[in-house]
């Protein structure tokens, strides 16, 4: 049987470790997001953007802002802020491992070319 050779390679085992508790992999991923400043600052700023956008939209909907044109403008601004914050959080989380993967691939290519 040929099977899937990718599942038996060392890289697959290293990227997908078996964990008895089931939460170790996700805890390590969250810790790696919070530990580095190049991921912590964008996550915090994205959360602040989402929070401030929701505050603006909710105050506009509740009618706390009196001129209707100002309320509409701030509601639009709050929606844009919330969308930008969600995108910033998404982008930060998805690109977290991309540099490590590229670096590991480059090192692996250099080692293979020397052998």
N, C-alpha and C. Protein backbone atom coordinates (compact mmCIF):
# COMPACT_ATOMS: atom_id res chain seq x y z
N UNK A 1 0.82 -1.18 0.00
CA UNK A 1 0.00 0.00 0.00
C UNK A 1 0.86 1.25 0.00
N UNK A 2 0.56 2.14 -0.90
CA UNK A 2 1.35 3.36 -0.95
C UNK A 2 0.89 4.36 0.08
N UNK A 3 -0.41 4.56 0.22
CA UNK A 3 -0.93 5.47 1.24
C UNK A 3 -0.50 6.91 1.00
N UNK A 4 -0.70 7.70 1.97
CA UNK A 4 -0.33 9.10 1.89
C UNK A 4 1.00 9.28 2.62
N UNK A 5 2.04 9.54 1.86
CA UNK A 5 3.36 9.66 2.48
C UNK A 5 3.49 10.93 3.31
N UNK A 6 2.63 11.92 3.06
CA UNK A 6 2.72 13.15 3.83
C UNK A 6 2.33 12.94 5.29
N UNK A 7 1.50 11.95 5.55
CA UNK A 7 1.07 11.71 6.93
C UNK A 7 2.13 10.99 7.74
N UNK A 8 3.09 10.38 7.08
CA UNK A 8 4.14 9.68 7.82
C UNK A 8 5.44 10.46 7.84
N UNK A 9 5.47 11.63 7.21
CA UNK A 9 6.70 12.40 7.19
C UNK A 9 6.90 13.09 8.54
N UNK A 10 8.15 13.47 8.79
CA UNK A 10 8.49 14.13 10.05
C UNK A 10 7.82 15.49 10.16
N UNK A 11 7.68 16.20 9.03
CA UNK A 11 7.07 17.53 9.06
C UNK A 11 5.61 17.44 9.50
N UNK A 12 4.87 16.44 9.03
CA UNK A 12 3.48 16.29 9.42
C UNK A 12 3.36 16.01 10.91
N UNK A 13 4.23 15.16 11.43
CA UNK A 13 4.19 14.82 12.85
C UNK A 13 4.56 16.04 13.69
N UNK A 14 5.52 16.83 13.21
CA UNK A 14 5.95 18.02 13.96
C UNK A 14 4.86 19.09 13.98
N UNK A 15 4.15 19.26 12.86
CA UNK A 15 3.11 20.29 12.80
C UNK A 15 1.81 19.85 13.46
N UNK A 16 1.56 18.56 13.55
CA UNK A 16 0.32 18.04 14.11
C UNK A 16 0.62 17.06 15.23
N UNK A 17 1.11 17.53 16.36
CA UNK A 17 1.43 16.60 17.44
C UNK A 17 0.16 16.06 18.08
N UNK A 18 0.25 14.81 18.55
CA UNK A 18 -0.88 14.22 19.24
C UNK A 18 -0.82 14.63 20.69
N UNK A 19 -1.93 15.14 21.16
CA UNK A 19 -1.97 15.64 22.52
C UNK A 19 -3.11 14.94 23.25
N UNK A 20 -2.82 14.43 24.41
CA UNK A 20 -3.83 13.69 25.16
C UNK A 20 -4.92 14.61 25.69
N UNK A 21 -4.54 15.81 26.11
CA UNK A 21 -5.53 16.73 26.67
C UNK A 21 -6.39 17.36 25.60
N UNK A 22 -5.88 17.53 24.39
CA UNK A 22 -6.66 18.09 23.31
C UNK A 22 -6.62 19.61 23.24
N UNK A 23 -6.15 20.28 24.27
CA UNK A 23 -6.13 21.74 24.28
C UNK A 23 -4.72 22.30 24.19
N UNK A 24 -3.72 21.48 24.23
CA UNK A 24 -2.34 21.95 24.26
C UNK A 24 -1.94 22.71 23.00
N UNK A 25 -2.40 22.24 21.86
CA UNK A 25 -2.05 22.89 20.60
C UNK A 25 -2.68 24.27 20.53
N UNK A 26 -3.94 24.40 20.89
CA UNK A 26 -4.60 25.71 20.83
C UNK A 26 -4.04 26.66 21.89
N UNK A 27 -3.70 26.14 23.06
CA UNK A 27 -3.10 26.99 24.09
C UNK A 27 -1.75 27.52 23.65
N UNK A 28 -0.95 26.67 22.99
CA UNK A 28 0.35 27.13 22.49
C UNK A 28 0.17 28.18 21.41
N UNK A 29 -0.82 28.02 20.56
CA UNK A 29 -1.06 29.00 19.49
C UNK A 29 -1.49 30.35 20.08
N UNK A 30 -2.36 30.33 21.06
CA UNK A 30 -2.79 31.57 21.70
C UNK A 30 -1.62 32.21 22.42
N UNK A 31 -0.81 31.42 23.11
CA UNK A 31 0.33 31.97 23.81
C UNK A 31 1.33 32.59 22.84
N UNK A 32 1.54 31.96 21.68
CA UNK A 32 2.48 32.52 20.71
C UNK A 32 1.94 33.81 20.10
N UNK A 33 0.62 33.96 20.02
CA UNK A 33 0.04 35.22 19.53
C UNK A 33 0.24 36.34 20.54
N UNK A 34 0.11 36.05 21.81
CA UNK A 34 0.18 37.07 22.85
C UNK A 34 1.62 37.39 23.23
N UNK A 35 2.52 36.45 23.05
CA UNK A 35 3.89 36.60 23.53
C UNK A 35 4.70 37.62 22.71
N UNK A 36 4.50 37.71 21.43
CA UNK A 36 5.31 38.58 20.58
C UNK A 36 4.63 39.92 20.37
N UNK A 37 5.42 40.99 20.34
CA UNK A 37 4.85 42.32 20.15
C UNK A 37 4.37 42.54 18.73
N UNK A 38 4.94 41.84 17.76
CA UNK A 38 4.48 42.04 16.38
C UNK A 38 3.11 41.40 16.14
N UNK A 39 2.62 40.60 17.06
CA UNK A 39 1.24 40.10 16.97
C UNK A 39 0.35 40.68 18.06
N UNK A 40 0.93 41.03 19.21
CA UNK A 40 0.12 41.54 20.31
C UNK A 40 -0.44 42.93 20.00
N UNK A 41 0.38 43.81 19.48
CA UNK A 41 -0.08 45.18 19.19
C UNK A 41 -1.18 45.22 18.13
N UNK A 42 -1.06 44.50 17.01
CA UNK A 42 -2.18 44.49 16.07
C UNK A 42 -3.46 43.87 16.63
N UNK A 43 -3.31 42.84 17.48
CA UNK A 43 -4.50 42.25 18.09
C UNK A 43 -5.19 43.24 19.03
N UNK A 44 -4.40 43.94 19.83
CA UNK A 44 -4.99 44.93 20.74
C UNK A 44 -5.62 46.09 19.98
N UNK A 45 -4.94 46.57 18.96
CA UNK A 45 -5.51 47.69 18.20
C UNK A 45 -6.76 47.25 17.44
N UNK A 46 -6.78 46.03 16.94
CA UNK A 46 -7.99 45.52 16.29
C UNK A 46 -9.15 45.40 17.26
N UNK A 47 -8.87 44.94 18.48
CA UNK A 47 -9.93 44.83 19.49
C UNK A 47 -10.45 46.21 19.88
N UNK A 48 -9.55 47.20 19.99
CA UNK A 48 -9.98 48.56 20.31
C UNK A 48 -10.81 49.15 19.17
N UNK A 49 -10.43 48.87 17.94
CA UNK A 49 -11.20 49.36 16.79
C UNK A 49 -12.60 48.75 16.77
N UNK A 50 -12.68 47.46 17.01
CA UNK A 50 -14.00 46.81 17.01
C UNK A 50 -14.85 47.38 18.14
N UNK A 51 -14.27 47.52 19.32
CA UNK A 51 -15.02 48.04 20.47
C UNK A 51 -15.49 49.48 20.23
N UNK A 52 -14.61 50.33 19.75
CA UNK A 52 -15.01 51.73 19.52
C UNK A 52 -16.03 51.84 18.39
N UNK A 53 -15.89 51.00 17.37
CA UNK A 53 -16.88 51.01 16.30
C UNK A 53 -18.25 50.59 16.78
N UNK A 54 -18.29 49.57 17.64
CA UNK A 54 -19.58 49.13 18.17
C UNK A 54 -20.19 50.17 19.10
N UNK A 55 -19.34 50.87 19.84
CA UNK A 55 -19.85 51.94 20.71
C UNK A 55 -20.46 53.06 19.87
N UNK A 56 -19.78 53.45 18.78
CA UNK A 56 -20.31 54.50 17.91
C UNK A 56 -21.63 54.09 17.27
N UNK A 57 -21.70 52.87 16.78
CA UNK A 57 -22.93 52.41 16.12
C UNK A 57 -24.07 52.31 17.13
N UNK A 58 -23.79 51.78 18.30
CA UNK A 58 -24.86 51.64 19.29
C UNK A 58 -25.34 53.00 19.80
N UNK A 59 -24.44 53.96 19.98
CA UNK A 59 -24.89 55.29 20.40
C UNK A 59 -25.68 55.98 19.30
N UNK A 60 -25.35 55.73 18.05
CA UNK A 60 -26.12 56.31 16.95
C UNK A 60 -27.49 55.67 16.85
N UNK A 61 -27.57 54.36 17.07
CA UNK A 61 -28.86 53.67 16.99
C UNK A 61 -29.76 54.07 18.16
N UNK A 62 -29.18 54.23 19.34
CA UNK A 62 -29.98 54.61 20.51
C UNK A 62 -30.44 56.07 20.47
N UNK A 63 -29.90 56.85 19.57
CA UNK A 63 -30.32 58.23 19.43
C UNK A 63 -29.65 59.17 20.42
N UNK A 64 -28.50 58.80 20.91
CA UNK A 64 -27.79 59.65 21.86
C UNK A 64 -27.13 60.84 21.18
N UNK A 65 -26.97 60.77 19.87
CA UNK A 65 -26.39 61.86 19.10
C UNK A 65 -27.54 62.58 18.40
N UNK A 66 -27.69 63.87 18.67
CA UNK A 66 -28.90 64.59 18.28
C UNK A 66 -29.02 64.90 16.79
N UNK A 67 -28.12 65.60 16.14
CA UNK A 67 -28.37 65.85 14.71
C UNK A 67 -28.34 64.54 13.93
N UNK A 68 -29.32 64.34 13.09
CA UNK A 68 -29.45 63.07 12.39
C UNK A 68 -28.31 62.84 11.40
N UNK A 69 -27.82 63.92 10.80
CA UNK A 69 -26.72 63.76 9.84
C UNK A 69 -25.43 63.34 10.56
N UNK A 70 -25.21 63.88 11.76
CA UNK A 70 -24.04 63.50 12.54
C UNK A 70 -24.16 62.05 13.03
N UNK A 71 -25.37 61.69 13.41
CA UNK A 71 -25.62 60.32 13.85
C UNK A 71 -25.37 59.32 12.71
N UNK A 72 -25.82 59.66 11.51
CA UNK A 72 -25.62 58.79 10.35
C UNK A 72 -24.14 58.69 10.00
N UNK A 73 -23.44 59.82 10.05
CA UNK A 73 -22.01 59.82 9.74
C UNK A 73 -21.22 58.99 10.75
N UNK A 74 -21.54 59.15 12.04
CA UNK A 74 -20.82 58.38 13.06
C UNK A 74 -21.18 56.90 13.00
N UNK A 75 -22.39 56.58 12.60
CA UNK A 75 -22.77 55.18 12.43
C UNK A 75 -21.97 54.55 11.29
N UNK A 76 -21.82 55.29 10.20
CA UNK A 76 -21.01 54.80 9.08
C UNK A 76 -19.55 54.65 9.49
N UNK A 77 -19.03 55.63 10.21
CA UNK A 77 -17.65 55.57 10.68
C UNK A 77 -17.44 54.39 11.64
N UNK A 78 -18.40 54.15 12.52
CA UNK A 78 -18.31 53.02 13.44
C UNK A 78 -18.33 51.69 12.72
N UNK A 79 -19.14 51.59 11.67
CA UNK A 79 -19.19 50.34 10.90
C UNK A 79 -17.86 50.08 10.20
N UNK A 80 -17.27 51.13 9.64
CA UNK A 80 -15.98 50.98 8.96
C UNK A 80 -14.90 50.61 9.97
N UNK A 81 -14.92 51.24 11.15
CA UNK A 81 -13.94 50.91 12.19
C UNK A 81 -14.06 49.46 12.62
N UNK A 82 -15.28 48.98 12.80
CA UNK A 82 -15.47 47.59 13.21
C UNK A 82 -14.98 46.62 12.15
N UNK A 83 -15.29 46.89 10.90
CA UNK A 83 -14.83 46.01 9.82
C UNK A 83 -13.31 46.01 9.72
N UNK A 84 -12.70 47.17 9.85
CA UNK A 84 -11.23 47.24 9.78
C UNK A 84 -10.60 46.51 10.96
N UNK A 85 -11.20 46.60 12.14
CA UNK A 85 -10.67 45.89 13.30
C UNK A 85 -10.76 44.39 13.15
N UNK A 86 -11.87 43.90 12.64
CA UNK A 86 -12.02 42.46 12.42
C UNK A 86 -11.01 41.98 11.38
N UNK A 87 -10.83 42.77 10.31
CA UNK A 87 -9.86 42.39 9.28
C UNK A 87 -8.45 42.38 9.85
N UNK A 88 -8.12 43.36 10.69
CA UNK A 88 -6.79 43.41 11.29
C UNK A 88 -6.53 42.20 12.19
N UNK A 89 -7.51 41.82 12.97
CA UNK A 89 -7.37 40.63 13.82
C UNK A 89 -7.22 39.38 12.97
N UNK A 90 -8.05 39.25 11.93
CA UNK A 90 -7.97 38.09 11.04
C UNK A 90 -6.61 38.01 10.35
N UNK A 91 -6.14 39.14 9.84
CA UNK A 91 -4.87 39.17 9.14
C UNK A 91 -3.70 38.83 10.07
N UNK A 92 -3.77 39.31 11.29
CA UNK A 92 -2.71 39.02 12.27
C UNK A 92 -2.66 37.54 12.62
N UNK A 93 -3.82 36.94 12.82
CA UNK A 93 -3.86 35.53 13.19
C UNK A 93 -3.42 34.63 12.04
N UNK A 94 -3.82 34.96 10.81
CA UNK A 94 -3.49 34.08 9.69
C UNK A 94 -2.05 34.20 9.25
N UNK A 95 -1.41 35.33 9.44
CA UNK A 95 -0.02 35.48 8.99
C UNK A 95 0.97 35.18 10.10
N UNK A 96 0.52 34.71 11.24
CA UNK A 96 1.40 34.48 12.39
C UNK A 96 2.48 33.45 12.08
N UNK A 97 2.16 32.35 11.44
CA UNK A 97 3.13 31.30 11.19
C UNK A 97 3.78 31.39 9.82
N UNK A 98 3.43 32.38 9.01
CA UNK A 98 3.94 32.41 7.64
C UNK A 98 5.45 32.66 7.61
N UNK A 99 5.97 33.53 8.46
CA UNK A 99 7.41 33.80 8.46
C UNK A 99 8.17 32.59 8.95
N UNK A 100 7.68 31.93 9.98
CA UNK A 100 8.36 30.74 10.48
C UNK A 100 8.41 29.64 9.43
N UNK A 101 7.32 29.49 8.70
CA UNK A 101 7.29 28.48 7.65
C UNK A 101 8.28 28.79 6.54
N UNK A 102 8.36 30.06 6.12
CA UNK A 102 9.31 30.43 5.07
C UNK A 102 10.75 30.25 5.53
N UNK A 103 11.02 30.61 6.77
CA UNK A 103 12.37 30.45 7.30
C UNK A 103 12.76 28.98 7.39
N UNK A 104 11.85 28.15 7.86
CA UNK A 104 12.14 26.72 7.95
C UNK A 104 12.35 26.11 6.57
N UNK A 105 11.56 26.55 5.60
CA UNK A 105 11.72 26.03 4.24
C UNK A 105 13.06 26.43 3.65
N UNK A 106 13.49 27.67 3.90
CA UNK A 106 14.77 28.12 3.38
C UNK A 106 15.93 27.34 4.01
N UNK A 107 15.85 27.13 5.31
CA UNK A 107 16.90 26.35 5.98
C UNK A 107 16.93 24.92 5.45
N UNK A 108 15.78 24.34 5.25
CA UNK A 108 15.71 22.97 4.73
C UNK A 108 16.29 22.88 3.32
N UNK A 109 16.03 23.91 2.47
CA UNK A 109 16.59 23.91 1.12
C UNK A 109 18.12 24.02 1.14
N UNK A 110 18.63 24.87 2.03
CA UNK A 110 20.08 25.01 2.13
C UNK A 110 20.72 23.71 2.58
N UNK A 111 20.15 23.06 3.56
CA UNK A 111 20.70 21.79 4.04
C UNK A 111 20.63 20.73 2.96
N UNK A 112 19.53 20.67 2.21
CA UNK A 112 19.41 19.68 1.16
C UNK A 112 20.38 19.96 0.01
N UNK A 113 20.64 21.22 -0.28
CA UNK A 113 21.57 21.53 -1.38
C UNK A 113 23.01 21.24 -0.98
N UNK A 114 23.32 21.30 0.30
CA UNK A 114 24.67 20.97 0.74
C UNK A 114 24.91 19.47 0.76
N UNK A 115 23.88 18.68 0.92
CA UNK A 115 24.04 17.22 0.96
C UNK A 115 24.11 16.65 -0.39
